[in-house]
Amino acid sequence: MKTASRYAVFCRAAELRSFTLAGMELGYSQSAVSQIVKSLEEELGTKLITRSRGRFELTADGKEYFPYFEAIKNAEDALIRRRLEITGMEDATIRVASFTSVSRELLPELMKNFKETHPGVNFVIKQGEYNSIRGYIEQGEVDFGFISTHFSEGLESSHLYDDELAAVLPKGHPLAKKKTLRMKDLTNDPFILFDEGRDYNTVLEAFREKGLEPKTEYDIYDDYSILGMVRRGFGISIQIKRIVKGFEEGLEVRDIEDAPVRSVSLAWRNLETMPFASREFLDYIINNIRPMAE
C-alpha cells in the first residue's frame, strides 16, 4: 500500500469524484479512503463531501477547504522531492572535466569548500585540452567541464572569468629591459605555445589578427612545463598571469600592452538531466570562483 497524506487522498478523491477511483490510484481500498475523509471531517467538525444516488459533491465547506488542502499536498510533494534530492547528495559522484591551470589552482579549493557542506559527495576529475574536454561533455563522460569559451559553442554554458596573459622570458633576456611589451616584440625568438587543442588557439589568433606570426618551436599542453622550459632557455612564451605568480624564480614576466585574454566558461550538455549533486556543485562554482580567479 502506498503512503499518502490525508490531504493528498482527499484532493484526489475530489478531483476524480470517486472514493473507489482515488483508492485504486493511490493504493487504498474504497473503505480506507472513506475513513480518511471521515477523519478529516471529524477533525474540522464539518461535512466535506456528500454522496447519494451516485452523486459525489463537495459541500460548501469542502469547496472552501479544498484549495488549502491542495496547497498542503503540493508542499508535501515538494518536501518529498527535496528530501530525495538531498539524500542524493550522499555517496554522489560528481564528474568534472578540467584543464591543468584550473585543476591545480582553483578546483582543489572549490572541492574542499563544497565537501565541508556536503561531505558525502565524491569527485572524478578528467583532465584534457579543450577539444577533449568538449568530447567528454558531449559523450556524457562528465557532468560538466571547464573550457575556453570559444570551444563551448553549441553547449549550455556560463562564462566564469577572463584570464590576463603576460610575456614570460628567461632571466636576463634582452626584452626584459622593457617595462612592457607588445605582441610584435615576441615574434623574433623561439616561441613555446600553450596547446589549447585543434582548430583554435587564443595566442595564435591574437598574433594573426595583428598580421604577426611567432616562431613556434614547441607546442606544449602543460602550463608549468612551459614555465620550466622558458626558465631553461628553450624560448619565450605567453602565459596566464595567475599561473606564473609564485613561480617567477628564473623568469622575467612582463605585461603586454596589446595582450589577448583567455575567456573561461563552464559547459554542460543538459542541465535538466544533470544529477542533483553535480548541479549544486556547478552553481557553487559559478557563484564563488570569480574572486579566486582574480
Foldseek 3Di string as FASTA:
>chain_A
DADDALLVLLLQCQVVVALCVSCVVRVHHSVVSVVSQVVVCVVVVHHQWDDDPRGIDGDPVVVVCNVVSVVVRVVVVVVVVVVVQLVCLAQAEAEEEEEDVCVPQPVVVLVVVVCVVRVRYHYDYHYDAQVVQVVCQVVVVHQKYKHFPVSQPPFDKDWADKFAKWKKAFPPDPVLVDQAAALVVQAPKAEEAAARDPDDDQSQVLQVVVVHGHNHDHYHNHPVVVNVCRLVPVIMYMDGPVSCVPVCVRIRIHHHPSTDITIMMMTHHDLVPRRSNNNVSNVSCRVPVRVSND
